[in-house]
């Protein structure tokens, strides 16, 4: 294969991965929300995440550290 083809394949695989990430984040977001409603949704769900017990976090497959990182993320970040 030529070098140009390798670059195209690498870029295409990166685009596919980025598309998968967008698709996965879109699945976790309630549809039909305005921007502000989405911000409020994120804020409240992240606050709730910080209040879960270690047992509850284990039930949903998160560690305390993972929950803390997600819960402390600003509401404007997806």
PDB file of N, CA and C in Angstrom:
ATOM      1  N   UNK A   1       0.837  -1.186   0.000  1.00  0.00           N
ATOM      2  CA  UNK A   1       0.000   0.000   0.000  1.00  0.00           C
ATOM      3  C   UNK A   1       0.874   1.238   0.000  1.00  0.00           C
ATOM      4  N   UNK A   2       0.386   2.273  -0.649  1.00  0.00           N
ATOM      5  CA  UNK A   2       1.140   3.521  -0.657  1.00  0.00           C
ATOM      6  C   UNK A   2       0.936   4.240   0.672  1.00  0.00           C
ATOM      7  N   UNK A   3       1.803   5.181   0.948  1.00  0.00           N
ATOM      8  CA  UNK A   3       1.711   5.941   2.191  1.00  0.00           C
ATOM      9  C   UNK A   3       0.423   6.731   2.282  1.00  0.00           C
ATOM     10  N   UNK A   4      -0.049   7.260   1.148  1.00  0.00           N
ATOM     11  CA  UNK A   4      -1.281   8.032   1.150  1.00  0.00           C
ATOM     12  C   UNK A   4      -2.480   7.172   1.546  1.00  0.00           C
ATOM     13  N   UNK A   5      -2.519   5.948   1.078  1.00  0.00           N
ATOM     14  CA  UNK A   5      -3.615   5.050   1.440  1.00  0.00           C
ATOM     15  C   UNK A   5      -3.602   4.752   2.932  1.00  0.00           C
ATOM     16  N   UNK A   6      -2.411   4.585   3.500  1.00  0.00           N
ATOM     17  CA  UNK A   6      -2.308   4.334   4.940  1.00  0.00           C
ATOM     18  C   UNK A   6      -2.855   5.508   5.732  1.00  0.00           C
ATOM     19  N   UNK A   7      -2.534   6.716   5.287  1.00  0.00           N
ATOM     20  CA  UNK A   7      -3.021   7.921   5.976  1.00  0.00           C
ATOM     21  C   UNK A   7      -4.542   7.986   5.872  1.00  0.00           C
ATOM     22  N   UNK A   8      -5.084   7.718   4.701  1.00  0.00           N
ATOM     23  CA  UNK A   8      -6.540   7.742   4.533  1.00  0.00           C
ATOM     24  C   UNK A   8      -7.214   6.720   5.438  1.00  0.00           C
ATOM     25  N   UNK A   9      -6.655   5.527   5.520  1.00  0.00           N
ATOM     26  CA  UNK A   9      -7.228   4.503   6.393  1.00  0.00           C
ATOM     27  C   UNK A   9      -7.185   4.929   7.855  1.00  0.00           C
ATOM     28  N   UNK A  10      -6.070   5.522   8.264  1.00  0.00           N
ATOM     29  CA  UNK A  10      -5.942   5.975   9.645  1.00  0.00           C
ATOM     30  C   UNK A  10      -6.956   7.070   9.944  1.00  0.00           C
ATOM     31  N   UNK A  11      -7.114   8.030   9.033  1.00  0.00           N
ATOM     32  CA  UNK A  11      -8.077   9.108   9.243  1.00  0.00           C
ATOM     33  C   UNK A  11      -9.501   8.575   9.257  1.00  0.00           C
ATOM     34  N   UNK A  12      -9.790   7.644   8.367  1.00  0.00           N
ATOM     35  CA  UNK A  12     -11.131   7.068   8.322  1.00  0.00           C
ATOM     36  C   UNK A  12     -11.454   6.330   9.625  1.00  0.00           C
ATOM     37  N   UNK A  13     -10.492   5.593  10.160  1.00  0.00           N
ATOM     38  CA  UNK A  13     -10.746   4.875  11.413  1.00  0.00           C
ATOM     39  C   UNK A  13     -10.960   5.857  12.564  1.00  0.00           C
ATOM     40  N   UNK A  14     -10.243   6.984  12.553  1.00  0.00           N
ATOM     41  CA  UNK A  14     -10.446   7.999  13.589  1.00  0.00           C
ATOM     42  C   UNK A  14     -11.840   8.608  13.478  1.00  0.00           C
ATOM     43  N   UNK A  15     -12.295   8.851  12.247  1.00  0.00           N
ATOM     44  CA  UNK A  15     -13.635   9.395  12.044  1.00  0.00           C
ATOM     45  C   UNK A  15     -14.691   8.407  12.523  1.00  0.00           C
ATOM     46  N   UNK A  16     -14.490   7.133  12.265  1.00  0.00           N
ATOM     47  CA  UNK A  16     -15.435   6.116  12.728  1.00  0.00           C
ATOM     48  C   UNK A  16     -15.494   6.068  14.242  1.00  0.00           C
ATOM     49  N   UNK A  17     -14.329   6.134  14.892  1.00  0.00           N
ATOM     50  CA  UNK A  17     -14.302   6.118  16.353  1.00  0.00           C
ATOM     51  C   UNK A  17     -15.007   7.338  16.923  1.00  0.00           C
ATOM     52  N   UNK A  18     -14.766   8.513  16.319  1.00  0.00           N
ATOM     53  CA  UNK A  18     -15.417   9.739  16.789  1.00  0.00           C
ATOM     54  C   UNK A  18     -16.927   9.633  16.614  1.00  0.00           C
ATOM     55  N   UNK A  19     -17.364   9.048  15.512  1.00  0.00           N
ATOM     56  CA  UNK A  19     -18.794   8.859  15.282  1.00  0.00           C
ATOM     57  C   UNK A  19     -19.409   7.938  16.308  1.00  0.00           C
ATOM     58  N   UNK A  20     -18.693   6.885  16.684  1.00  0.00           N
ATOM     59  CA  UNK A  20     -19.181   5.960  17.704  1.00  0.00           C
ATOM     60  C   UNK A  20     -19.316   6.665  19.045  1.00  0.00           C
ATOM     61  N   UNK A  21     -18.333   7.509  19.387  1.00  0.00           N
ATOM     62  CA  UNK A  21     -18.391   8.235  20.659  1.00  0.00           C
ATOM     63  C   UNK A  21     -19.593   9.176  20.680  1.00  0.00           C
ATOM     64  N   UNK A  22     -19.845   9.873  19.562  1.00  0.00           N
ATOM     65  CA  UNK A  22     -21.010  10.775  19.498  1.00  0.00           C
ATOM     66  C   UNK A  22     -22.296   9.980  19.615  1.00  0.00           C
ATOM     67  N   UNK A  23     -22.342   8.843  18.965  1.00  0.00           N
ATOM     68  CA  UNK A  23     -23.532   7.999  19.016  1.00  0.00           C
ATOM     69  C   UNK A  23     -23.793   7.513  20.434  1.00  0.00           C
ATOM     70  N   UNK A  24     -22.740   7.096  21.133  1.00  0.00           N
ATOM     71  CA  UNK A  24     -22.898   6.612  22.500  1.00  0.00           C
ATOM     72  C   UNK A  24     -23.348   7.738  23.423  1.00  0.00           C
ATOM     73  N   UNK A  25     -22.778   8.939  23.272  1.00  0.00           N
ATOM     74  CA  UNK A  25     -23.190  10.039  24.148  1.00  0.00           C
ATOM     75  C   UNK A  25     -24.605  10.489  23.819  1.00  0.00           C
ATOM     76  N   UNK A  26     -25.000  10.387  22.549  1.00  0.00           N
ATOM     77  CA  UNK A  26     -26.361  10.758  22.181  1.00  0.00           C
ATOM     78  C   UNK A  26     -27.370   9.781  22.784  1.00  0.00           C
ATOM     79  N   UNK A  27     -27.004   8.528  22.937  1.00  0.00           N
ATOM     80  CA  UNK A  27     -27.903   7.536  23.530  1.00  0.00           C
ATOM     81  C   UNK A  27     -28.152   7.813  25.008  1.00  0.00           C
ATOM     82  N   UNK A  28     -27.188   8.423  25.677  1.00  0.00           N
ATOM     83  CA  UNK A  28     -27.320   8.683  27.104  1.00  0.00           C
ATOM     84  C   UNK A  28     -28.027  10.002  27.386  1.00  0.00           C
ATOM     85  N   UNK A  29     -28.296  10.782  26.346  1.00  0.00           N
ATOM     86  CA  UNK A  29     -28.906  12.085  26.505  1.00  0.00           C
ATOM     87  C   UNK A  29     -30.380  12.020  26.141  1.00  0.00           C
ATOM     88  N   UNK A  30     -31.252  12.519  27.006  1.00  0.00           N
ATOM     89  CA  UNK A  30     -32.671  12.538  26.656  1.00  0.00           C
ATOM     90  C   UNK A  30     -32.895  13.372  25.391  1.00  0.00           C
ATOM     91  N   UNK A  31     -33.680  12.838  24.475  1.00  0.00           N
ATOM     92  CA  UNK A  31     -33.903  13.552  23.219  1.00  0.00           C
ATOM     93  C   UNK A  31     -34.930  14.654  23.416  1.00  0.00           C
ATOM     94  N   UNK A  32     -34.852  15.638  22.558  1.00  0.00           N
ATOM     95  CA  UNK A  32     -35.833  16.710  22.561  1.00  0.00           C
ATOM     96  C   UNK A  32     -35.603  17.783  23.606  1.00  0.00           C
ATOM     97  N   UNK A  33     -34.479  17.770  24.288  1.00  0.00           N
ATOM     98  CA  UNK A  33     -34.223  18.787  25.300  1.00  0.00           C
ATOM     99  C   UNK A  33     -33.575  20.014  24.673  1.00  0.00           C
ATOM    100  N   UNK A  34     -33.977  21.175  25.140  1.00  0.00           N
ATOM    101  CA  UNK A  34     -33.293  22.394  24.727  1.00  0.00           C
ATOM    102  C   UNK A  34     -31.910  22.408  25.375  1.00  0.00           C
ATOM    103  N   UNK A  35     -31.107  23.327  24.956  1.00  0.00           N
ATOM    104  CA  UNK A  35     -29.755  23.415  25.519  1.00  0.00           C
ATOM    105  C   UNK A  35     -29.798  23.614  27.032  1.00  0.00           C
ATOM    106  N   UNK A  36     -30.667  24.519  27.495  1.00  0.00           N
ATOM    107  CA  UNK A  36     -30.751  24.785  28.937  1.00  0.00           C
ATOM    108  C   UNK A  36     -31.324  23.598  29.689  1.00  0.00           C
ATOM    109  N   UNK A  37     -32.294  22.932  29.104  1.00  0.00           N
ATOM    110  CA  UNK A  37     -32.855  21.746  29.760  1.00  0.00           C
ATOM    111  C   UNK A  37     -31.795  20.654  29.867  1.00  0.00           C
ATOM    112  N   UNK A  38     -30.965  20.524  28.840  1.00  0.00           N
ATOM    113  CA  UNK A  38     -29.883  19.551  28.882  1.00  0.00           C
ATOM    114  C   UNK A  38     -28.885  19.905  29.976  1.00  0.00           C
ATOM    115  N   UNK A  39     -28.552  21.189  30.112  1.00  0.00           N
ATOM    116  CA  UNK A  39     -27.639  21.624  31.179  1.00  0.00           C
ATOM    117  C   UNK A  39     -28.220  21.284  32.555  1.00  0.00           C
ATOM    118  N   UNK A  40     -29.517  21.572  32.753  1.00  0.00           N
ATOM    119  CA  UNK A  40     -30.154  21.265  34.038  1.00  0.00           C
ATOM    120  C   UNK A  40     -30.173  19.766  34.293  1.00  0.00           C
ATOM    121  N   UNK A  41     -30.465  19.003  33.257  1.00  0.00           N
ATOM    122  CA  UNK A  41     -30.472  17.545  33.388  1.00  0.00           C
ATOM    123  C   UNK A  41     -29.095  17.044  33.836  1.00  0.00           C
ATOM    124  N   UNK A  42     -28.054  17.525  33.176  1.00  0.00           N
ATOM    125  CA  UNK A  42     -26.691  17.113  33.549  1.00  0.00           C
ATOM    126  C   UNK A  42     -26.367  17.507  34.982  1.00  0.00           C
ATOM    127  N   UNK A  43     -26.736  18.726  35.345  1.00  0.00           N
ATOM    128  CA  UNK A  43     -26.431  19.214  36.698  1.00  0.00           C
ATOM    129  C   UNK A  43     -27.086  18.332  37.762  1.00  0.00           C
ATOM    130  N   UNK A  44     -28.355  18.046  37.566  1.00  0.00           N
ATOM    131  CA  UNK A  44     -29.083  17.264  38.566  1.00  0.00           C
ATOM    132  C   UNK A  44     -28.631  15.804  38.607  1.00  0.00           C
ATOM    133  N   UNK A  45     -28.380  15.222  37.458  1.00  0.00           N
ATOM    134  CA  UNK A  45     -27.940  13.824  37.470  1.00  0.00           C
ATOM    135  C   UNK A  45     -26.536  13.693  38.036  1.00  0.00           C
ATOM    136  N   UNK A  46     -25.692  14.674  37.796  1.00  0.00           N
ATOM    137  CA  UNK A  46     -24.338  14.625  38.363  1.00  0.00           C
ATOM    138  C   UNK A  46     -24.363  14.832  39.870  1.00  0.00           C
ATOM    139  N   UNK A  47     -25.260  15.701  40.341  1.00  0.00           N
ATOM    140  CA  UNK A  47     -25.414  15.869  41.796  1.00  0.00           C
ATOM    141  C   UNK A  47     -25.902  14.570  42.426  1.00  0.00           C
ATOM    142  N   UNK A  48     -26.854  13.918  41.777  1.00  0.00           N
ATOM    143  CA  UNK A  48     -27.388  12.650  42.292  1.00  0.00           C
ATOM    144  C   UNK A  48     -26.299  11.583  42.318  1.00  0.00           C
ATOM    145  N   UNK A  49     -25.448  11.592  41.333  1.00  0.00           N
ATOM    146  CA  UNK A  49     -24.359  10.619  41.272  1.00  0.00           C
ATOM    147  C   UNK A  49     -23.426  10.767  42.469  1.00  0.00           C
ATOM    148  N   UNK A  50     -23.187  12.000  42.891  1.00  0.00           N
ATOM    149  CA  UNK A  50     -22.310  12.242  44.039  1.00  0.00           C
ATOM    150  C   UNK A  50     -22.930  11.770  45.354  1.00  0.00           C
ATOM    151  N   UNK A  51     -24.239  11.599  45.382  1.00  0.00           N
ATOM    152  CA  UNK A  51     -24.923  11.193  46.607  1.00  0.00           C
ATOM    153  C   UNK A  51     -25.098   9.686  46.748  1.00  0.00           C
ATOM    154  N   UNK A  52     -24.743   8.929  45.708  1.00  0.00           N
ATOM    155  CA  UNK A  52     -24.912   7.472  45.770  1.00  0.00           C
ATOM    156  C   UNK A  52     -23.906   6.833  46.720  1.00  0.00           C
ATOM    157  N   UNK A  53     -24.324   5.776  47.355  1.00  0.00           N
ATOM    158  CA  UNK A  53     -23.441   5.032  48.258  1.00  0.00           C
ATOM    159  C   UNK A  53     -22.517   4.136  47.428  1.00  0.00           C
ATOM    160  N   UNK A  54     -21.425   3.677  48.023  1.00  0.00           N
ATOM    161  CA  UNK A  54     -20.534   2.754  47.300  1.00  0.00           C
ATOM    162  C   UNK A  54     -21.258   1.501  46.809  1.00  0.00           C
ATOM    163  N   UNK A  55     -22.225   1.021  47.576  1.00  0.00           N
ATOM    164  CA  UNK A  55     -22.986  -0.159  47.156  1.00  0.00           C
ATOM    165  C   UNK A  55     -23.830   0.148  45.917  1.00  0.00           C
ATOM    166  N   UNK A  56     -24.466   1.309  45.904  1.00  0.00           N
ATOM    167  CA  UNK A  56     -25.268   1.707  44.748  1.00  0.00           C
ATOM    168  C   UNK A  56     -24.384   1.902  43.517  1.00  0.00           C
ATOM    169  N   UNK A  57     -23.222   2.481  43.714  1.00  0.00           N
ATOM    170  CA  UNK A  57     -22.289   2.668  42.596  1.00  0.00           C
ATOM    171  C   UNK A  57     -21.834   1.323  42.040  1.00  0.00           C
ATOM    172  N   UNK A  58     -21.587   0.380  42.923  1.00  0.00           N
ATOM    173  CA  UNK A  58     -21.200  -0.966  42.472  1.00  0.00           C
ATOM    174  C   UNK A  58     -22.302  -1.584  41.625  1.00  0.00           C
ATOM    175  N   UNK A  59     -23.558  -1.336  42.018  1.00  0.00           N
ATOM    176  CA  UNK A  59     -24.698  -1.866  41.268  1.00  0.00           C
ATOM    177  C   UNK A  59     -24.750  -1.341  39.837  1.00  0.00           C
ATOM    178  N   UNK A  60     -24.331  -0.102  39.632  1.00  0.00           N
ATOM    179  CA  UNK A  60     -24.355   0.465  38.280  1.00  0.00           C
ATOM    180  C   UNK A  60     -23.003   0.366  37.586  1.00  0.00           C
ATOM    181  N   UNK A  61     -22.050  -0.283  38.246  1.00  0.00           N
ATOM    182  CA  UNK A  61     -20.766  -0.555  37.600  1.00  0.00           C
ATOM    183  C   UNK A  61     -19.780   0.591  37.610  1.00  0.00           C
ATOM    184  N   UNK A  62     -19.880   1.465  38.608  1.00  0.00           N
ATOM    185  CA  UNK A  62     -18.939   2.579  38.717  1.00  0.00           C
ATOM    186  C   UNK A  62     -18.174   2.497  40.032  1.00  0.00           C
ATOM    187  N   UNK A  63     -16.942   2.960  39.973  1.00  0.00           N
ATOM    188  CA  UNK A  63     -16.175   3.079  41.210  1.00  0.00           C
ATOM    189  C   UNK A  63     -16.490   4.440  41.833  1.00  0.00           C
ATOM    190  N   UNK A  64     -16.105   4.601  43.078  1.00  0.00           N
ATOM    191  CA  UNK A  64     -16.321   5.880  43.765  1.00  0.00           C
ATOM    192  C   UNK A  64     -15.569   6.978  43.023  1.00  0.00           C
ATOM    193  N   UNK A  65     -14.356   6.676  42.577  1.00  0.00           N
ATOM    194  CA  UNK A  65     -13.546   7.671  41.866  1.00  0.00           C
ATOM    195  C   UNK A  65     -14.185   8.059  40.528  1.00  0.00           C
ATOM    196  N   UNK A  66     -14.698   7.086  39.784  1.00  0.00           N
ATOM    197  CA  UNK A  66     -15.364   7.385  38.514  1.00  0.00           C
ATOM    198  C   UNK A  66     -16.587   8.266  38.734  1.00  0.00           C
ATOM    199  N   UNK A  67     -17.355   7.955  39.754  1.00  0.00           N
ATOM    200  CA  UNK A  67     -18.546   8.747  40.068  1.00  0.00           C
ATOM    201  C   UNK A  67     -18.159  10.161  40.475  1.00  0.00           C
ATOM    202  N   UNK A  68     -17.095  10.277  41.245  1.00  0.00           N
ATOM    203  CA  UNK A  68     -16.634  11.602  41.677  1.00  0.00           C
ATOM    204  C   UNK A  68     -16.189  12.433  40.477  1.00  0.00           C
ATOM    205  N   UNK A  69     -15.424  11.819  39.571  1.00  0.00           N
ATOM    206  CA  UNK A  69     -14.963  12.544  38.383  1.00  0.00           C
ATOM    207  C   UNK A  69     -16.134  13.020  37.533  1.00  0.00           C
ATOM    208  N   UNK A  70     -17.106  12.144  37.315  1.00  0.00           N
ATOM    209  CA  UNK A  70     -18.269  12.521  36.502  1.00  0.00           C
ATOM    210  C   UNK A  70     -19.134  13.538  37.242  1.00  0.00           C
ATOM    211  N   UNK A  71     -19.314  13.350  38.523  1.00  0.00           N
ATOM    212  CA  UNK A  71     -20.164  14.245  39.304  1.00  0.00           C
ATOM    213  C   UNK A  71     -19.610  15.641  39.452  1.00  0.00           C
ATOM    214  N   UNK A  72     -18.301  15.781  39.412  1.00  0.00           N
ATOM    215  CA  UNK A  72     -17.681  17.096  39.560  1.00  0.00           C
ATOM    216  C   UNK A  72     -17.452  17.815  38.235  1.00  0.00           C
ATOM    217  N   UNK A  73     -17.778  17.154  37.130  1.00  0.00           N
ATOM    218  CA  UNK A  73     -17.639  17.777  35.818  1.00  0.00           C
ATOM    219  C   UNK A  73     -18.614  18.948  35.711  1.00  0.00           C
ATOM    220  N   UNK A  74     -18.214  20.059  35.107  1.00  0.00           N
ATOM    221  CA  UNK A  74     -19.151  21.167  34.926  1.00  0.00           C
ATOM    222  C   UNK A  74     -20.335  20.738  34.055  1.00  0.00           C
ATOM    223  N   UNK A  75     -21.502  21.312  34.312  1.00  0.00           N
ATOM    224  CA  UNK A  75     -22.716  20.897  33.603  1.00  0.00           C
ATOM    225  C   UNK A  75     -22.660  21.197  32.110  1.00  0.00           C
ATOM    226  N   UNK A  76     -21.815  22.124  31.689  1.00  0.00           N
ATOM    227  CA  UNK A  76     -21.752  22.466  30.269  1.00  0.00           C
ATOM    228  C   UNK A  76     -20.879  21.498  29.469  1.00  0.00           C
ATOM    229  N   UNK A  77     -20.171  20.611  30.158  1.00  0.00           N
ATOM    230  CA  UNK A  77     -19.352  19.628  29.453  1.00  0.00           C
ATOM    231  C   UNK A  77     -20.122  18.325  29.330  1.00  0.00           C
ATOM    232  N   UNK A  78     -20.147  17.783  28.116  1.00  0.00           N
ATOM    233  CA  UNK A  78     -20.890  16.565  27.845  1.00  0.00           C
ATOM    234  C   UNK A  78     -20.283  15.320  28.379  1.00  0.00           C
TER     235      UNK A  78
END
